Amino acid sequence: MFVSAGASRGWVLWVVGCVAVASLAACSNNQVKIESRPMPAGASFTGDWYSPQYENMTLTQTGATVRGTFTYKTGGELEGTLDGNVLYFKWSQPGDFKVARRDVSGEGYFVMDESGDSFTGRWGYEDDNHSGGVWDAERLEKRQQEEGFDEPIFKRP
């Protein structure tokens, strides 16, 4: 069977297009959806937190929106929306030209525990919200009481 060069080229472009669309579809679902529960009574993300992975954090919850900062390396910011006891957020961290570190950003989620004193979560780069690693934290007030600190272990600048 004879196929013209134009038809052959068209078929190749169609195949390449299908592969590209399939690849994008496969890569675009980097989000983990967590089954949410109601936020524990009286609990809020507002406050000072300590993360063994990412150091000190200060979060402020206003309605279903949470904004905050963390001190890891050059520091960074996060902002997100609550779904029950689950906070889905976007984070960003500025680069540092002196050490050739670029700006980085991504997404993540935190799940508030029943006590309202700690949360577990994960983070990822860009539109991925889980592949980067674990991000857990507990309230600084709780940590100070458990470890018997007389002075605050975290002071705002």
Protein backbone atom coordinates (compact mmCIF):
# COMPACT_ATOMS: atom_id res chain seq x y z
CA MET A 1 0.00 0.00 0.00
CA PHE A 2 1.32 3.41 -0.95
CA VAL A 3 0.98 6.33 1.54
CA SER A 4 1.80 9.87 0.46
CA ALA A 5 4.41 11.88 2.37
CA GLY A 6 1.75 14.39 3.45
CA ALA A 7 -0.53 11.70 4.86
CA SER A 8 2.40 10.01 6.61
CA ARG A 9 3.46 13.31 8.19
CA GLY A 10 -0.10 13.96 9.32
CA TRP A 11 -0.32 10.55 10.94
CA VAL A 12 3.00 11.10 12.76
CA LEU A 13 1.84 14.50 14.05
CA TRP A 14 -1.43 12.94 15.22
CA VAL A 15 0.47 10.20 17.14
CA VAL A 16 2.89 12.73 18.67
CA GLY A 17 -0.07 14.91 19.70
CA CYS A 18 -1.83 11.97 21.34
CA VAL A 19 1.31 11.02 23.26
CA ALA A 20 1.78 14.63 24.42
CA VAL A 21 -1.82 14.90 25.63
CA ALA A 22 -1.57 11.54 27.42
CA SER A 23 1.69 12.63 29.09
CA LEU A 24 0.18 15.90 30.29
CA ALA A 25 -2.87 14.12 31.64
CA ALA A 26 -0.68 11.65 33.52
CA CYS A 27 1.50 14.41 34.99
CA SER A 28 -1.26 16.81 35.95
CA ASN A 29 -2.71 14.73 38.79
CA ASN A 30 -0.03 15.31 41.44
CA GLN A 31 -2.58 16.11 44.12
CA VAL A 32 -3.52 13.91 47.05
CA LYS A 33 -7.01 14.49 48.42
CA ILE A 34 -7.39 13.71 52.12
CA GLU A 35 -10.70 12.67 53.62
CA SER A 36 -11.55 15.55 55.92
CA ARG A 37 -13.37 15.49 59.24
CA PRO A 38 -14.86 18.38 61.16
CA MET A 39 -12.28 20.61 62.82
CA PRO A 40 -12.03 19.67 66.52
CA ALA A 41 -14.10 21.95 68.77
CA GLY A 42 -12.17 25.12 69.60
CA ALA A 43 -9.22 24.16 67.38
CA SER A 44 -7.56 26.59 65.00
CA PHE A 45 -4.35 26.74 63.01
CA THR A 46 -3.67 30.19 64.53
CA GLY A 47 -0.56 30.23 66.67
CA ASP A 48 3.13 29.45 66.91
CA TRP A 49 4.20 25.95 65.88
CA TYR A 50 7.41 23.94 65.83
CA SER A 51 8.15 21.53 62.99
CA PRO A 52 11.06 19.12 63.40
CA GLN A 53 11.47 19.27 59.62
CA TYR A 54 11.00 23.01 58.94
CA GLU A 55 11.54 24.78 62.27
CA ASN A 56 9.33 27.54 63.64
CA MET A 57 6.06 28.56 62.03
CA THR A 58 3.51 31.26 62.76
CA LEU A 59 0.05 30.71 61.29
CA THR A 60 -3.07 32.88 61.31
CA GLN A 61 -6.48 31.45 60.51
CA THR A 62 -9.25 33.82 59.42
CA GLY A 63 -12.40 31.88 58.58
CA ALA A 64 -11.40 29.17 56.10
CA THR A 65 -8.14 30.92 55.08
CA VAL A 66 -4.79 30.30 56.74
CA ARG A 67 -1.66 32.37 56.12
CA GLY A 68 1.72 32.05 57.71
CA THR A 69 5.49 32.01 57.71
CA PHE A 70 8.17 29.44 58.47
CA THR A 71 11.84 29.95 59.36
CA TYR A 72 13.54 27.05 57.52
CA LYS A 73 16.70 28.21 55.66
CA THR A 74 15.79 31.59 54.12
CA GLY A 75 12.26 31.47 55.54
CA GLY A 76 9.10 31.24 53.54
CA GLU A 77 5.37 31.78 53.37
CA LEU A 78 2.31 29.65 52.99
CA GLU A 79 -1.36 30.33 52.32
CA GLY A 80 -4.24 27.96 52.02
CA THR A 81 -7.85 27.00 52.51
CA LEU A 82 -9.45 24.72 55.07
CA ASP A 83 -11.64 21.74 54.25
CA GLY A 84 -12.78 20.60 57.71
CA ASN A 85 -9.61 19.64 59.58
CA VAL A 86 -7.47 19.61 56.41
CA LEU A 87 -5.53 22.67 55.26
CA TYR A 88 -4.53 22.64 51.57
CA PHE A 89 -1.87 25.27 50.98
CA LYS A 90 0.65 26.75 48.58
CA TRP A 91 4.11 27.57 49.91
CA SER A 92 7.02 29.63 48.63
CA GLN A 93 10.58 30.18 49.71
CA PRO A 94 12.85 32.87 48.29
CA GLY A 95 16.20 31.97 46.82
CA ASP A 96 19.56 33.21 47.94
CA PHE A 97 21.82 34.57 45.20
CA LYS A 98 24.91 34.36 47.46
CA VAL A 99 24.70 30.57 47.64
CA ALA A 100 23.11 29.99 44.21
CA ARG A 101 19.78 28.87 45.64
CA ARG A 102 16.76 29.54 43.42
CA ASP A 103 13.24 30.49 44.50
CA VAL A 104 11.16 27.39 45.18
CA SER A 105 7.45 26.84 45.65
CA GLY A 106 4.90 24.11 45.84
CA GLU A 107 1.82 22.82 47.55
CA GLY A 108 0.99 20.71 50.57
CA TYR A 109 -1.56 19.79 53.17
CA PHE A 110 -1.81 19.64 56.96
CA VAL A 111 -4.30 17.48 58.88
CA MET A 112 -5.16 18.81 62.36
CA ASP A 113 -5.25 16.09 65.02
CA GLU A 114 -8.11 15.61 67.50
CA SER A 115 -6.39 17.62 70.25
CA GLY A 116 -5.85 20.68 68.04
CA ASP A 117 -2.26 20.79 69.34
CA SER A 118 -0.48 19.15 66.41
CA PHE A 119 -0.84 18.33 62.75
CA THR A 120 0.66 15.97 60.23
CA GLY A 121 1.13 16.71 56.57
CA ARG A 122 3.11 16.47 53.39
CA TRP A 123 4.48 18.87 50.80
CA GLY A 124 5.67 18.82 47.20
CA TYR A 125 7.19 21.07 44.55
CA GLU A 126 5.12 23.07 42.06
CA ASP A 127 1.62 21.51 41.70
CA ASP A 128 2.54 18.35 43.65
CA ASN A 129 1.23 18.36 47.22
CA HIS A 130 2.84 15.22 48.65
CA SER A 131 6.02 13.87 47.02
CA GLY A 132 8.52 16.23 48.71
CA GLY A 133 8.20 14.76 52.17
CA VAL A 134 6.66 14.96 55.62
CA TRP A 135 5.77 18.27 57.28
CA ASP A 136 4.52 17.87 60.85
CA ALA A 137 4.27 20.36 63.69
CA GLU A 138 3.07 20.84 67.24
CA ARG A 139 2.08 23.95 69.14
CA LEU A 140 5.04 25.66 70.79
CA GLU A 141 3.08 26.18 74.00
CA LYS A 142 2.56 22.40 74.28
CA ARG A 143 6.21 21.68 73.52
CA GLN A 144 7.37 24.21 76.11
CA GLN A 145 5.15 22.65 78.79
CA GLU A 146 6.27 19.10 77.96
CA GLU A 147 9.97 20.00 77.99
CA GLY A 148 9.79 22.36 80.99
CA PHE A 149 11.07 25.54 79.34
CA ASP A 150 10.81 28.66 81.51
CA GLU A 151 11.56 31.02 78.62
CA PRO A 152 9.80 30.97 75.26
CA ILE A 153 11.69 28.88 72.73
CA PHE A 154 10.46 31.06 69.90
CA LYS A 155 10.25 34.82 69.85
CA ARG A 156 8.87 36.87 67.01
CA PRO A 157 11.37 39.34 65.55
